[in-house]
């Protein structure tokens, strides 16, 4: 009888520990969000004109527990609306050797999912374009809604910082500065 009580006590302890571990693992998993939908875009300006490129194939995730994130977009998914310009862009970005544009890093400040208003944070990481990686810090805006967490960001870069030659045609030359942006819906993984 005493042996049976000890066995029951040990079983109850094991069940309790197992339940606690499952609960904790669920909490950790719940901190990781993935891009359910999203778009990235750029705007390039040149003499008398400008053009945009856009992709709706944003992929990535962010772990709000650690602050670590990684987002990428296939270069081939970026479209400007003109097939010839797209082909030239893929060649300029060395798409065959570098098929993805990648931003990987860490949030500088923690995101609080319980705050109902939008939060402006900074993300620090390595941005890789056409095989060249540079450390950047960009501002991001995060806000919660019934579907998940909305991420929005706008920043600029100089394409020559990524060893890219500024495209030109006759008297038109693309400016070095390009504006970029991301809009995404993040959902629990």
Protein backbone atom coordinates (compact mmCIF):
# COMPACT_ATOMS: atom_id res chain seq x y z
CA UNK A 1 0.00 0.00 0.00
CA UNK A 2 2.80 2.46 0.86
CA UNK A 3 4.59 1.43 -2.33
CA UNK A 4 1.41 2.14 -4.35
CA UNK A 5 1.06 5.60 -2.79
CA UNK A 6 4.71 6.40 -3.63
CA UNK A 7 4.18 5.25 -7.21
CA UNK A 8 1.06 7.42 -7.53
CA UNK A 9 2.93 10.39 -6.05
CA UNK A 10 5.81 9.93 -8.51
CA UNK A 11 3.37 9.62 -11.42
CA UNK A 12 1.55 12.79 -10.35
CA UNK A 13 4.88 14.64 -10.08
CA UNK A 14 5.91 13.47 -13.55
CA UNK A 15 2.57 14.48 -15.04
CA UNK A 16 2.86 17.89 -13.37
CA UNK A 17 6.41 18.43 -14.69
CA UNK A 18 5.39 17.26 -18.17
CA UNK A 19 2.39 19.60 -18.15
CA UNK A 20 4.57 22.50 -17.02
CA UNK A 21 7.10 21.80 -19.78
CA UNK A 22 4.35 21.67 -22.40
CA UNK A 23 2.88 24.94 -21.14
CA UNK A 24 6.29 26.66 -21.20
CA UNK A 25 7.12 25.37 -24.68
CA UNK A 26 3.76 26.68 -25.96
CA UNK A 27 4.58 30.10 -24.50
CA UNK A 28 7.95 30.14 -26.27
CA UNK A 29 6.46 29.02 -29.57
CA UNK A 30 3.75 31.65 -29.27
CA UNK A 31 6.42 34.37 -29.38
CA UNK A 32 7.46 33.47 -32.94
CA UNK A 33 5.52 35.15 -35.72
CA UNK A 34 5.77 34.55 -39.46
CA UNK A 35 4.91 36.76 -42.40
CA UNK A 36 1.47 35.56 -43.52
CA UNK A 37 1.19 38.23 -46.17
CA UNK A 38 3.29 41.17 -47.08
CA UNK A 39 4.89 43.28 -49.73
CA UNK A 40 8.18 45.03 -50.27
CA UNK A 41 8.78 47.87 -52.66
CA UNK A 42 11.39 50.31 -53.84
CA UNK A 43 11.23 53.63 -55.61
CA UNK A 44 14.03 54.80 -57.88
CA UNK A 45 14.22 58.32 -59.25
CA UNK A 46 15.97 59.62 -62.31
CA UNK A 47 15.98 62.71 -64.43
CA UNK A 48 12.36 63.68 -65.23
CA UNK A 49 10.99 60.32 -64.10
CA UNK A 50 10.77 57.71 -61.39
CA UNK A 51 9.68 54.09 -61.18
CA UNK A 52 8.75 51.54 -58.55
CA UNK A 53 9.33 47.84 -58.08
CA UNK A 54 7.20 45.61 -55.89
CA UNK A 55 7.04 42.04 -54.64
CA UNK A 56 4.27 40.32 -52.70
CA UNK A 57 6.47 37.32 -51.87
CA UNK A 58 7.88 38.52 -48.57
CA UNK A 59 8.97 35.61 -46.38
CA UNK A 60 10.30 35.66 -42.85
CA UNK A 61 9.80 35.49 -39.14
CA UNK A 62 10.45 37.33 -35.92
CA UNK A 63 10.83 35.93 -32.42
CA UNK A 64 9.57 38.53 -29.98
CA UNK A 65 11.07 36.61 -27.06
CA UNK A 66 14.66 37.01 -28.36
CA UNK A 67 14.10 39.90 -30.77
CA UNK A 68 15.74 37.93 -33.60
CA UNK A 69 14.29 38.23 -37.10
CA UNK A 70 14.97 37.23 -40.68
CA UNK A 71 13.08 38.44 -43.73
CA UNK A 72 13.80 37.81 -47.39
CA UNK A 73 12.29 38.29 -50.80
CA UNK A 74 13.15 36.49 -54.05
CA UNK A 75 14.77 38.93 -56.48
CA UNK A 76 12.80 37.38 -59.39
CA UNK A 77 9.52 38.25 -57.65
CA UNK A 78 10.25 42.00 -57.84
CA UNK A 79 8.34 43.56 -60.75
CA UNK A 80 8.44 47.12 -62.10
CA UNK A 81 5.74 46.76 -64.73
CA UNK A 82 8.18 46.76 -67.66
CA UNK A 83 9.64 43.37 -68.63
CA UNK A 84 12.87 44.80 -70.12
CA UNK A 85 13.52 46.90 -67.01
CA UNK A 86 12.89 43.83 -64.81
CA UNK A 87 15.41 41.82 -66.84
CA UNK A 88 18.00 44.61 -66.55
CA UNK A 89 17.35 44.85 -62.80
CA UNK A 90 17.80 41.07 -62.30
CA UNK A 91 21.10 41.28 -64.18
CA UNK A 92 22.25 44.30 -62.15
CA UNK A 93 21.37 42.51 -58.89
CA UNK A 94 23.20 39.36 -60.05
CA UNK A 95 20.02 37.38 -59.43
CA UNK A 96 21.42 34.05 -60.62
CA UNK A 97 24.19 34.14 -57.99
CA UNK A 98 22.17 35.99 -55.33
CA UNK A 99 18.51 35.00 -55.70
CA UNK A 100 17.34 36.61 -52.41
CA UNK A 101 17.40 40.02 -50.78
CA UNK A 102 17.84 39.35 -47.04
CA UNK A 103 17.55 41.35 -43.82
CA UNK A 104 18.56 39.44 -40.71
CA UNK A 105 19.16 40.85 -37.25
CA UNK A 106 17.70 41.80 -33.88
CA UNK A 107 15.24 44.34 -32.53
CA UNK A 108 17.07 46.98 -30.48
CA UNK A 109 14.13 47.38 -28.10
CA UNK A 110 11.53 44.82 -26.99
CA UNK A 111 8.06 44.80 -28.51
CA UNK A 112 5.18 44.62 -26.02
CA UNK A 113 2.22 42.79 -27.62
CA UNK A 114 -0.10 43.97 -24.81
CA UNK A 115 0.23 47.62 -25.82
CA UNK A 116 -2.76 48.57 -27.99
CA UNK A 117 -1.16 51.52 -29.76
CA UNK A 118 1.50 51.19 -32.42
CA UNK A 119 5.10 50.96 -31.27
CA UNK A 120 8.05 52.42 -33.15
CA UNK A 121 11.21 50.38 -32.69
CA UNK A 122 14.55 50.01 -34.39
CA UNK A 123 15.87 46.89 -36.06
CA UNK A 124 19.61 46.39 -36.41
CA UNK A 125 20.97 43.79 -38.74
CA UNK A 126 22.67 42.74 -41.93
CA UNK A 127 20.98 43.76 -45.16
CA UNK A 128 22.19 41.75 -48.16
CA UNK A 129 21.60 42.97 -51.70
CA UNK A 130 23.32 41.57 -54.80
CA UNK A 131 25.80 39.63 -52.67
CA UNK A 132 26.95 42.63 -50.62
CA UNK A 133 26.06 42.77 -46.93
CA UNK A 134 26.01 45.93 -44.85
CA UNK A 135 24.93 46.52 -41.28
CA UNK A 136 21.94 48.86 -41.09
CA UNK A 137 19.56 50.22 -38.50
CA UNK A 138 16.04 50.92 -39.68
CA UNK A 139 12.90 52.13 -37.96
CA UNK A 140 9.91 49.80 -37.87
CA UNK A 141 6.36 50.31 -36.70
CA UNK A 142 4.52 47.40 -35.08
CA UNK A 143 0.86 47.35 -34.11
CA UNK A 144 -1.47 44.60 -32.97
CA UNK A 145 -4.89 43.91 -34.43
CA UNK A 146 -7.34 41.00 -34.48
CA UNK A 147 -5.43 39.25 -37.29
CA UNK A 148 -1.95 39.46 -35.78
CA UNK A 149 0.81 42.05 -35.75
CA UNK A 150 1.23 44.62 -38.52
CA UNK A 151 4.78 45.58 -39.48
CA UNK A 152 5.57 48.66 -41.51
CA UNK A 153 8.92 50.23 -42.37
CA UNK A 154 10.39 52.84 -44.73
CA UNK A 155 14.07 53.59 -45.26
CA UNK A 156 16.58 54.60 -47.94
CA UNK A 157 19.82 53.18 -49.21
CA UNK A 158 22.49 54.09 -51.72
CA UNK A 159 22.82 51.39 -54.37
CA UNK A 160 26.52 52.20 -54.77
CA UNK A 161 27.00 51.11 -51.12
CA UNK A 162 26.08 47.63 -52.41
CA UNK A 163 28.60 47.81 -55.27
CA UNK A 164 25.87 48.40 -57.83
CA UNK A 165 26.46 50.65 -60.82
CA UNK A 166 23.80 53.32 -61.31
CA UNK A 167 21.84 52.43 -64.44
CA UNK A 168 21.71 55.03 -67.19
CA UNK A 169 20.23 55.42 -70.68
CA UNK A 170 21.28 58.28 -72.96
CA UNK A 171 20.64 61.39 -70.76
CA UNK A 172 18.74 59.54 -68.02
CA UNK A 173 20.65 58.30 -65.01
CA UNK A 174 19.06 56.58 -62.00
CA UNK A 175 19.75 58.33 -58.69
CA UNK A 176 21.98 56.54 -56.20
CA UNK A 177 19.40 56.87 -53.42
CA UNK A 178 16.52 54.37 -53.49
CA UNK A 179 13.59 54.40 -51.06
CA UNK A 180 12.44 51.02 -49.73
CA UNK A 181 9.46 49.85 -47.75
CA UNK A 182 7.86 46.79 -46.19
CA UNK A 183 4.27 46.18 -45.11
CA UNK A 184 3.43 42.80 -43.58
CA UNK A 185 0.96 40.91 -41.46
CA UNK A 186 2.70 38.68 -38.92
CA UNK A 187 0.83 35.76 -37.36
CA UNK A 188 1.76 33.28 -34.62
CA UNK A 189 3.69 30.35 -35.97
